[in-house]
């Protein structure tokens, strides 16, 4: 395993107008590491992971992904951004599937366009990953014919079809009905067991306990605390972390 971080975030600051959304963020992610980012609403979690594939631009600091400098005070060419996006899969809260395309077409579009695969090659890869997320039988259906949980699993398969080195998840279960959450989390657990580098913004603390190598807690645009899950849950050091865990764990038991 390489000792060089696959993601390095150094002194990153970001503003929306006058409002500072990220303050002095420093984070190294090792290849194969699984990180869960949690924190109250508005703490900057989603913004942080959206900066890793340049969906958001930072005004100060550096982000390097797999050796490619993505920011240098906001200056990164389209070439670097494209190179990083080839290696980084992203799954959003909303599934963002193309409604006029079948599940299979949703999965084959990017590999054919950006990796230059033939239809047959792309179909083969797509079916491999639809099997991985346990819905190969839905390949010829349209998104509207699937449940929310199935659509999110298609979104995960679609990201995997680009064979990324890193997967980013931005609250992938928050738009789902409770009974569908488990099927998506189970899919993510399988990926984690395969050694995929993962950053996941989520409120699913059971997932964090069982899958994360490290849990990061953010509040007010800063990383307040980070620790392995056993320490994070058993002995949180910061008062804000304790408050957050108290609220989220009591609402989970309610």
Protein backbone atom coordinates (compact mmCIF):
# COMPACT_ATOMS: atom_id res chain seq x y z
CA UNK A 1 0.00 0.00 0.00
CA UNK A 2 1.34 3.44 -0.94
CA UNK A 3 2.24 5.63 2.00
CA UNK A 4 1.46 8.76 -0.02
CA UNK A 5 -2.07 10.06 0.69
CA UNK A 6 -4.48 9.57 -2.21
CA UNK A 7 -6.23 12.79 -1.14
CA UNK A 8 -4.42 15.68 0.51
CA UNK A 9 -6.31 18.79 1.63
CA UNK A 10 -4.09 21.61 2.90
CA UNK A 11 -5.25 24.84 4.60
CA UNK A 12 -8.45 24.99 2.55
CA UNK A 13 -10.74 27.99 3.00
CA UNK A 14 -13.91 28.70 1.07
CA UNK A 15 -16.46 31.51 1.09
CA UNK A 16 -19.89 32.04 -0.39
CA UNK A 17 -19.84 35.83 -0.61
CA UNK A 18 -19.15 37.06 2.92
CA UNK A 19 -19.98 33.71 4.53
CA UNK A 20 -17.02 31.43 5.24
CA UNK A 21 -18.20 27.87 4.69
CA UNK A 22 -14.82 26.10 5.17
CA UNK A 23 -12.09 27.29 7.55
CA UNK A 24 -8.50 25.98 7.64
CA UNK A 25 -9.31 22.41 6.57
CA UNK A 26 -6.40 19.96 6.65
CA UNK A 27 -6.98 16.30 5.86
CA UNK A 28 -4.94 13.41 4.44
CA UNK A 29 -6.71 10.30 3.20
CA UNK A 30 -4.71 7.11 2.72
CA UNK A 31 -5.41 4.74 -0.21
CA UNK A 32 -8.14 2.30 0.82
CA UNK A 33 -9.14 4.38 3.85
CA UNK A 34 -12.84 4.70 4.66
CA UNK A 35 -13.85 7.99 6.20
CA UNK A 36 -17.27 9.06 7.45
CA UNK A 37 -17.85 12.80 7.73
CA UNK A 38 -20.65 13.85 10.07
CA UNK A 39 -21.88 16.99 11.76
CA UNK A 40 -24.90 19.25 12.06
CA UNK A 41 -26.64 20.72 9.03
CA UNK A 42 -24.69 23.63 7.55
CA UNK A 43 -21.34 22.50 8.97
CA UNK A 44 -19.63 22.37 5.54
CA UNK A 45 -19.52 18.55 5.13
CA UNK A 46 -21.07 18.38 1.66
CA UNK A 47 -19.12 21.41 0.48
CA UNK A 48 -15.89 19.74 1.58
CA UNK A 49 -16.41 16.55 -0.39
CA UNK A 50 -17.71 18.49 -3.41
CA UNK A 51 -14.36 20.34 -3.46
CA UNK A 52 -12.53 17.01 -3.91
CA UNK A 53 -13.83 16.61 -7.47
CA UNK A 54 -14.04 20.35 -8.14
CA UNK A 55 -17.82 20.64 -8.08
CA UNK A 56 -16.96 23.50 -5.73
CA UNK A 57 -13.91 25.75 -6.13
CA UNK A 58 -11.90 26.77 -3.07
CA UNK A 59 -10.47 30.26 -2.79
CA UNK A 60 -7.50 29.37 -0.57
CA UNK A 61 -5.44 26.25 0.01
CA UNK A 62 -4.53 23.17 -1.98
CA UNK A 63 -6.28 19.93 -2.81
CA UNK A 64 -4.29 17.10 -4.41
CA UNK A 65 -6.07 13.95 -5.59
CA UNK A 66 -4.03 10.92 -6.66
CA UNK A 67 -1.01 13.14 -7.30
CA UNK A 68 -2.95 15.69 -9.39
CA UNK A 69 -3.02 19.24 -7.98
CA UNK A 70 -6.63 20.25 -8.28
CA UNK A 71 -6.38 23.69 -6.76
CA UNK A 72 -3.73 26.24 -6.31
CA UNK A 73 -5.62 29.27 -5.14
CA UNK A 74 -8.44 28.19 -7.46
CA UNK A 75 -6.26 27.76 -10.57
CA UNK A 76 -6.58 24.29 -12.06
CA UNK A 77 -6.92 23.63 -15.75
CA UNK A 78 -9.80 21.71 -17.26
CA UNK A 79 -7.30 18.93 -17.96
CA UNK A 80 -6.53 18.39 -14.26
CA UNK A 81 -10.20 18.56 -13.33
CA UNK A 82 -11.09 15.96 -15.98
CA UNK A 83 -8.21 13.72 -14.86
CA UNK A 84 -9.43 13.81 -11.26
CA UNK A 85 -13.05 13.18 -12.20
CA UNK A 86 -11.96 10.09 -14.12
CA UNK A 87 -10.68 8.67 -10.80
CA UNK A 88 -13.38 9.91 -8.44
CA UNK A 89 -16.93 8.54 -8.43
CA UNK A 90 -19.65 10.54 -6.73
CA UNK A 91 -23.06 9.52 -5.43
CA UNK A 92 -25.44 12.29 -4.43
CA UNK A 93 -28.47 12.60 -2.19
CA UNK A 94 -30.66 12.83 -5.30
CA UNK A 95 -30.04 10.00 -7.75
CA UNK A 96 -29.51 12.24 -10.83
CA UNK A 97 -30.28 9.42 -13.26
CA UNK A 98 -31.31 10.34 -16.81
CA UNK A 99 -35.05 9.57 -16.86
CA UNK A 100 -35.20 8.98 -20.64
CA UNK A 101 -32.47 6.30 -20.52
CA UNK A 102 -32.65 2.73 -19.26
CA UNK A 103 -30.63 1.66 -16.24
CA UNK A 104 -28.08 0.07 -18.58
CA UNK A 105 -27.80 3.21 -20.73
CA UNK A 106 -27.33 5.35 -17.62
CA UNK A 107 -24.40 3.12 -16.67
CA UNK A 108 -22.73 2.91 -20.10
CA UNK A 109 -22.90 6.57 -21.15
CA UNK A 110 -19.82 7.88 -19.30
CA UNK A 111 -17.49 4.90 -19.98
CA UNK A 112 -18.26 5.11 -23.71
CA UNK A 113 -17.88 8.89 -23.87
CA UNK A 114 -14.91 9.50 -21.61
CA UNK A 115 -13.07 6.19 -21.66
CA UNK A 116 -13.83 5.40 -25.30
CA UNK A 117 -15.27 1.94 -24.65
CA UNK A 118 -17.33 0.15 -27.26
CA UNK A 119 -21.01 -0.56 -26.57
CA UNK A 120 -20.22 -4.22 -25.92
CA UNK A 121 -17.37 -3.42 -23.49
CA UNK A 122 -19.46 -0.82 -21.66
CA UNK A 123 -22.45 -3.20 -21.43
CA UNK A 124 -20.24 -5.91 -19.95
CA UNK A 125 -18.84 -3.57 -17.28
CA UNK A 126 -22.29 -2.15 -16.52
CA UNK A 127 -23.78 -5.62 -16.01
CA UNK A 128 -20.85 -6.56 -13.76
CA UNK A 129 -21.58 -3.61 -11.46
CA UNK A 130 -25.37 -3.99 -11.62
CA UNK A 131 -24.74 -7.53 -10.34
CA UNK A 132 -22.51 -6.06 -7.60
CA UNK A 133 -25.35 -3.83 -6.42
CA UNK A 134 -27.75 -6.76 -6.81
CA UNK A 135 -30.12 -5.41 -9.47
CA UNK A 136 -28.98 -6.89 -12.81
CA UNK A 137 -32.59 -7.81 -13.61
CA UNK A 138 -33.50 -4.09 -13.71
CA UNK A 139 -31.04 -3.27 -16.53
CA UNK A 140 -33.65 -2.58 -19.21
CA UNK A 141 -36.07 -0.64 -16.99
CA UNK A 142 -36.28 3.14 -16.74
CA UNK A 143 -35.53 4.95 -13.46
CA UNK A 144 -39.20 5.80 -12.91
CA UNK A 145 -39.96 2.06 -12.76
CA UNK A 146 -37.62 1.55 -9.77
CA UNK A 147 -37.90 2.26 -6.06
CA UNK A 148 -35.75 4.98 -4.51
CA UNK A 149 -33.39 2.41 -3.03
CA UNK A 150 -32.99 0.72 -6.40
CA UNK A 151 -32.36 4.06 -8.11
CA UNK A 152 -29.64 4.89 -5.60
CA UNK A 153 -28.04 1.49 -6.20
CA UNK A 154 -28.08 2.25 -9.95
CA UNK A 155 -26.37 5.58 -9.16
CA UNK A 156 -23.67 3.66 -7.26
CA UNK A 157 -23.26 1.17 -10.13
CA UNK A 158 -23.04 4.04 -12.61
CA UNK A 159 -20.21 5.63 -10.61
CA UNK A 160 -18.40 2.28 -10.36
CA UNK A 161 -18.58 1.78 -14.14
CA UNK A 162 -15.87 4.42 -14.46
CA UNK A 163 -13.66 2.16 -12.25
CA UNK A 164 -12.78 5.03 -9.91
CA UNK A 165 -10.07 4.84 -7.27
CA UNK A 166 -12.13 6.96 -4.87
CA UNK A 167 -15.86 7.06 -4.12
CA UNK A 168 -17.53 10.11 -2.58
CA UNK A 169 -21.00 9.76 -1.06
CA UNK A 170 -22.99 12.88 -0.16
CA UNK A 171 -25.76 11.76 2.23
CA UNK A 172 -26.68 8.89 -0.11
CA UNK A 173 -29.54 7.64 2.07
CA UNK A 174 -31.14 10.90 3.23
CA UNK A 175 -33.71 11.05 0.40
CA UNK A 176 -34.77 7.42 0.91
CA UNK A 177 -37.68 5.91 2.81
CA UNK A 178 -36.41 4.19 5.98
CA UNK A 179 -37.05 0.68 4.65
CA UNK A 180 -34.81 1.38 1.64
CA UNK A 181 -31.85 2.73 3.60
CA UNK A 182 -30.49 -0.70 4.53
CA UNK A 183 -30.21 -1.96 0.95
CA UNK A 184 -28.10 1.07 -0.03
CA UNK A 185 -25.92 0.85 3.08
CA UNK A 186 -25.40 -2.88 2.46
CA UNK A 187 -24.17 -2.03 -1.04
CA UNK A 188 -21.73 0.52 0.38
CA UNK A 189 -20.51 -1.95 3.01
CA UNK A 190 -19.65 -4.40 0.20
CA UNK A 191 -17.60 -1.70 -1.53
CA UNK A 192 -15.81 -0.90 1.70
CA UNK A 193 -14.93 -4.57 2.15
CA UNK A 194 -13.34 -4.50 -1.33
CA UNK A 195 -10.87 -1.85 -0.16
CA UNK A 196 -12.31 1.12 -2.07
CA UNK A 197 -11.16 4.54 -0.80
CA UNK A 198 -14.39 6.11 0.44
CA UNK A 199 -15.48 9.43 1.90
CA UNK A 200 -19.06 9.40 3.02
CA UNK A 201 -21.10 12.27 4.43
CA UNK A 202 -23.86 10.58 6.41
CA UNK A 203 -25.93 10.60 9.59
CA UNK A 204 -26.00 6.79 9.61
CA UNK A 205 -23.97 6.20 12.75
CA UNK A 206 -24.33 2.41 12.58
CA UNK A 207 -22.62 2.53 9.18
CA UNK A 208 -19.89 4.75 10.64
CA UNK A 209 -19.28 2.31 13.50
CA UNK A 210 -19.09 -0.76 11.30
CA UNK A 211 -17.31 0.56 8.19
CA UNK A 212 -15.25 3.68 8.93
CA UNK A 213 -11.54 3.64 9.67
CA UNK A 214 -11.96 7.21 10.86
CA UNK A 215 -14.91 9.42 11.74
CA UNK A 216 -14.57 13.17 11.17
CA UNK A 217 -16.87 15.60 12.93
CA UNK A 218 -17.40 19.03 11.39
CA UNK A 219 -19.11 22.09 12.85
CA UNK A 220 -19.16 25.70 11.64
CA UNK A 221 -16.96 24.91 8.64
CA UNK A 222 -14.14 23.35 10.67
CA UNK A 223 -12.96 19.83 11.44
CA UNK A 224 -13.57 19.77 15.20
CA UNK A 225 -12.65 16.17 15.95
CA UNK A 226 -11.48 13.01 14.20
CA UNK A 227 -10.87 9.56 15.61
CA UNK A 228 -11.34 5.84 14.94
CA UNK A 229 -15.03 4.94 15.48
CA UNK A 230 -14.48 3.13 18.78
CA UNK A 231 -12.90 6.27 20.30
CA UNK A 232 -15.22 8.68 18.55
CA UNK A 233 -18.37 7.07 19.92
CA UNK A 234 -17.05 5.95 23.32
CA UNK A 235 -15.09 9.04 24.31
CA UNK A 236 -15.77 12.12 22.17
CA UNK A 237 -13.47 14.92 23.32
CA UNK A 238 -15.25 18.04 22.13
CA UNK A 239 -18.47 19.37 23.68
CA UNK A 240 -20.02 19.94 20.22
CA UNK A 241 -19.31 16.33 19.29
CA UNK A 242 -20.96 15.10 22.49
CA UNK A 243 -24.03 17.26 21.86
CA UNK A 244 -24.32 16.07 18.26
CA UNK A 245 -23.99 12.40 19.19
CA UNK A 246 -26.47 12.83 22.03
CA UNK A 247 -29.05 14.29 19.64
CA UNK A 248 -28.50 11.87 16.79
CA UNK A 249 -28.35 8.71 18.90
CA UNK A 250 -31.41 9.66 20.95
CA UNK A 251 -33.43 10.40 17.78
CA UNK A 252 -32.32 7.04 16.34
CA UNK A 253 -33.77 5.28 19.41
CA UNK A 254 -36.95 7.37 19.49
